[in-house]
N, C-alpha and C. Protein backbone atom coordinates (compact mmCIF):
# COMPACT_ATOMS: atom_id res chain seq x y z
N MET A 1 0.85 -1.21 0.03
CA MET A 1 -0.08 0.00 -0.02
C MET A 1 0.99 1.16 -0.13
N ASN A 2 1.90 1.09 0.57
CA ASN A 2 2.88 2.34 0.74
C ASN A 2 3.47 2.69 -0.57
N ALA A 3 3.94 1.67 -1.50
CA ALA A 3 4.20 1.88 -2.81
C ALA A 3 3.28 2.61 -3.78
N LEU A 4 2.03 2.25 -3.69
CA LEU A 4 0.84 2.65 -4.42
C LEU A 4 0.62 4.22 -3.97
N ASN A 5 0.73 4.41 -2.75
CA ASN A 5 0.42 5.89 -2.21
C ASN A 5 1.59 6.74 -2.63
N ALA A 6 2.86 6.12 -2.88
CA ALA A 6 3.95 7.21 -3.14
C ALA A 6 3.86 7.27 -4.77
N THR A 7 3.56 6.32 -5.49
CA THR A 7 3.19 6.35 -7.05
C THR A 7 2.15 7.30 -7.16
N LEU A 8 1.04 7.37 -6.51
CA LEU A 8 -0.11 8.30 -6.79
C LEU A 8 0.35 9.79 -6.27
N LYS A 9 1.10 9.72 -5.41
CA LYS A 9 1.53 11.11 -4.91
C LYS A 9 2.69 11.65 -5.90
N ALA A 10 3.37 11.00 -6.56
CA ALA A 10 4.44 11.30 -7.69
C ALA A 10 3.63 11.88 -8.86
N ALA A 11 2.64 11.03 -9.19
CA ALA A 11 1.79 11.22 -10.53
C ALA A 11 0.87 12.58 -10.27
N THR A 12 0.45 12.69 -8.83
CA THR A 12 -0.32 13.86 -8.77
C THR A 12 0.69 15.16 -8.80
N CYS A 13 1.72 14.89 -8.21
CA CYS A 13 2.67 16.29 -8.16
C CYS A 13 3.01 16.48 -9.63
N GLY A 14 3.44 15.38 -10.36
CA GLY A 14 3.74 15.55 -11.81
C GLY A 14 2.72 16.22 -12.80
N LEU A 15 1.44 15.77 -12.51
CA LEU A 15 0.18 16.38 -13.26
C LEU A 15 0.24 17.86 -13.03
N GLY A 16 0.28 18.17 -11.60
CA GLY A 16 0.16 19.85 -11.01
C GLY A 16 1.34 20.41 -11.70
N ALA A 17 2.60 19.99 -11.63
CA ALA A 17 3.57 20.66 -12.23
C ALA A 17 3.46 20.78 -13.84
N LEU A 18 2.89 19.77 -14.51
CA LEU A 18 2.55 20.12 -16.13
C LEU A 18 1.62 21.27 -16.01
N ALA A 19 0.41 21.16 -15.41
CA ALA A 19 -0.54 22.14 -15.53
C ALA A 19 -0.19 23.41 -15.38
N ILE A 20 0.52 23.76 -14.07
CA ILE A 20 1.29 25.02 -13.89
C ILE A 20 2.17 25.61 -15.01
N THR A 21 3.14 24.51 -15.51
CA THR A 21 3.97 24.99 -16.50
C THR A 21 2.96 25.24 -17.80
N ALA A 22 1.93 24.58 -18.06
CA ALA A 22 1.28 25.15 -19.54
C ALA A 22 0.34 26.28 -19.14
N VAL A 23 -0.04 26.62 -17.87
CA VAL A 23 -0.77 27.92 -17.77
C VAL A 23 0.19 29.00 -17.80
N MET A 24 1.32 28.78 -17.07
CA MET A 24 2.28 30.14 -16.98
C MET A 24 2.78 30.31 -18.66
N SER A 25 3.04 29.13 -19.27
CA SER A 25 3.74 29.32 -20.70
C SER A 25 2.58 30.01 -21.64
N TRP A 26 1.26 29.69 -21.37
CA TRP A 26 0.30 30.11 -22.26
C TRP A 26 0.12 31.60 -21.78
N THR A 27 -0.04 32.14 -20.70
CA THR A 27 0.03 33.53 -20.36
C THR A 27 1.09 34.31 -20.92
N PHE A 28 2.38 33.74 -20.80
CA PHE A 28 3.59 34.34 -21.21
C PHE A 28 3.40 34.71 -22.79
N VAL A 29 3.02 33.65 -23.50
CA VAL A 29 2.74 33.91 -25.11
C VAL A 29 1.73 34.73 -25.36
N ALA A 30 0.67 34.89 -24.47
CA ALA A 30 -0.53 35.78 -24.89
C ALA A 30 -0.01 37.28 -24.57
N THR A 31 0.80 37.29 -23.50
CA THR A 31 1.06 38.87 -23.17
C THR A 31 2.19 39.33 -23.97
N THR A 32 3.04 38.46 -24.45
CA THR A 32 4.35 38.98 -25.24
C THR A 32 3.76 38.91 -26.84
N ALA A 33 2.64 38.52 -27.21
CA ALA A 33 2.47 38.18 -28.77
C ALA A 33 2.33 39.73 -29.44
N THR A 34 1.71 40.61 -28.79
CA THR A 34 1.80 41.77 -29.42
C THR A 34 1.83 43.02 -28.19
N ALA A 35 2.20 43.99 -28.75
CA ALA A 35 2.49 45.13 -27.78
C ALA A 35 0.91 45.65 -27.60
N PRO A 36 0.61 46.10 -26.42
CA PRO A 36 -0.73 46.68 -26.08
C PRO A 36 -1.20 47.87 -26.76
N GLY A 37 -2.22 47.85 -27.55
CA GLY A 37 -2.71 49.11 -28.20
C GLY A 37 -2.25 49.17 -29.85
N LEU A 38 -1.25 48.53 -30.15
CA LEU A 38 -0.82 48.21 -31.58
C LEU A 38 -1.50 47.10 -32.14
N ARG A 39 -1.45 47.37 -33.45
CA ARG A 39 -2.33 46.50 -34.63
C ARG A 39 -1.25 45.77 -35.20
N PRO A 40 -1.40 44.46 -35.53
CA PRO A 40 -0.21 43.83 -36.20
C PRO A 40 -0.21 44.24 -37.43
N VAL A 41 0.96 44.47 -38.02
CA VAL A 41 1.26 44.96 -39.35
C VAL A 41 2.12 43.91 -40.06
N ALA A 42 1.50 43.68 -41.49
CA ALA A 42 2.19 42.81 -42.28
C ALA A 42 3.47 43.11 -42.62
N GLN A 43 4.45 42.14 -42.53
CA GLN A 43 5.98 42.31 -43.00
C GLN A 43 6.18 42.29 -44.34
N MET A 44 6.90 43.16 -45.09
CA MET A 44 7.08 42.94 -46.36
C MET A 44 8.42 43.22 -46.50
N ALA A 45 9.21 42.21 -47.50
CA ALA A 45 10.54 42.29 -47.77
C ALA A 45 10.90 43.42 -48.67
N LYS A 46 12.07 44.10 -48.54
CA LYS A 46 12.42 45.10 -49.46
C LYS A 46 13.63 44.66 -50.32
N LEU A 47 13.46 44.99 -51.57
CA LEU A 47 14.49 44.49 -52.59
C LEU A 47 15.17 45.82 -52.75
N THR A 48 16.64 45.96 -52.43
CA THR A 48 17.34 46.97 -52.88
C THR A 48 18.57 46.49 -53.94
N ILE A 49 18.79 47.32 -54.91
CA ILE A 49 19.64 46.80 -56.05
C ILE A 49 20.85 48.05 -55.91
N GLN A 50 22.01 47.45 -55.47
CA GLN A 50 23.08 48.57 -55.47
C GLN A 50 23.84 48.70 -56.86
N GLN A 51 23.76 49.98 -57.31
CA GLN A 51 24.27 50.18 -58.65
C GLN A 51 25.97 49.87 -58.84
N ARG A 52 26.21 49.56 -59.73
CA ARG A 52 27.67 49.30 -60.01
C ARG A 52 28.05 50.41 -60.72
N HIS A 53 29.25 51.09 -60.36
CA HIS A 53 29.79 52.32 -61.11
C HIS A 53 30.92 51.55 -61.97
N VAL A 54 30.67 51.60 -63.34
CA VAL A 54 31.53 50.96 -64.15
C VAL A 54 32.82 51.88 -64.59
N TRP A 55 32.59 53.20 -64.30
CA TRP A 55 33.65 54.19 -64.74
C TRP A 55 34.79 54.28 -63.93
N PHE A 56 34.60 53.61 -62.49
CA PHE A 56 35.63 53.60 -61.72
C PHE A 56 36.22 52.14 -61.72
N GLY A 57 37.59 52.18 -61.84
CA GLY A 57 38.24 50.85 -61.92
C GLY A 57 37.83 50.11 -63.07
N GLN A 58 38.06 48.72 -63.17
CA GLN A 58 37.79 48.01 -64.00
C GLN A 58 36.32 47.46 -64.14
N SER A 59 35.93 47.34 -65.55
CA SER A 59 34.41 47.22 -65.69
C SER A 59 34.26 45.41 -65.50
N GLN A 60 35.46 45.01 -65.97
CA GLN A 60 35.22 43.34 -65.96
C GLN A 60 36.34 42.84 -64.92
N PRO A 61 36.08 41.46 -64.22
CA PRO A 61 36.84 41.05 -63.43
C PRO A 61 38.40 40.78 -64.15
N ALA A 62 39.47 40.72 -63.49
CA ALA A 62 40.83 40.47 -63.86
C ALA A 62 40.93 39.12 -64.26
N VAL A 63 41.67 38.59 -65.28
CA VAL A 63 41.83 37.14 -65.55
C VAL A 63 43.40 36.92 -65.39
N LEU A 64 43.69 35.96 -64.69
CA LEU A 64 45.29 35.62 -64.67
C LEU A 64 45.29 34.49 -65.69
N VAL A 65 46.67 34.52 -66.41
CA VAL A 65 46.78 33.72 -67.50
C VAL A 65 48.36 33.23 -67.21
N ASP A 66 48.64 32.01 -67.12
CA ASP A 66 50.14 31.42 -67.10
C ASP A 66 50.85 31.69 -68.46
């Protein structure tokens, strides 16, 4: 009977710990998901093209020949 009580006690403590962890995790995610008072904004990628100045230096890469 003592082993059964110890097993039930350990299972109860484990389930309680899991429940507390799940609730705390959910509240953390819910509170940090967005800033209060702000609307979520769709993120867009920006494409930037860096222009090459061919009049400075060589316009073509150098080729080494033996």
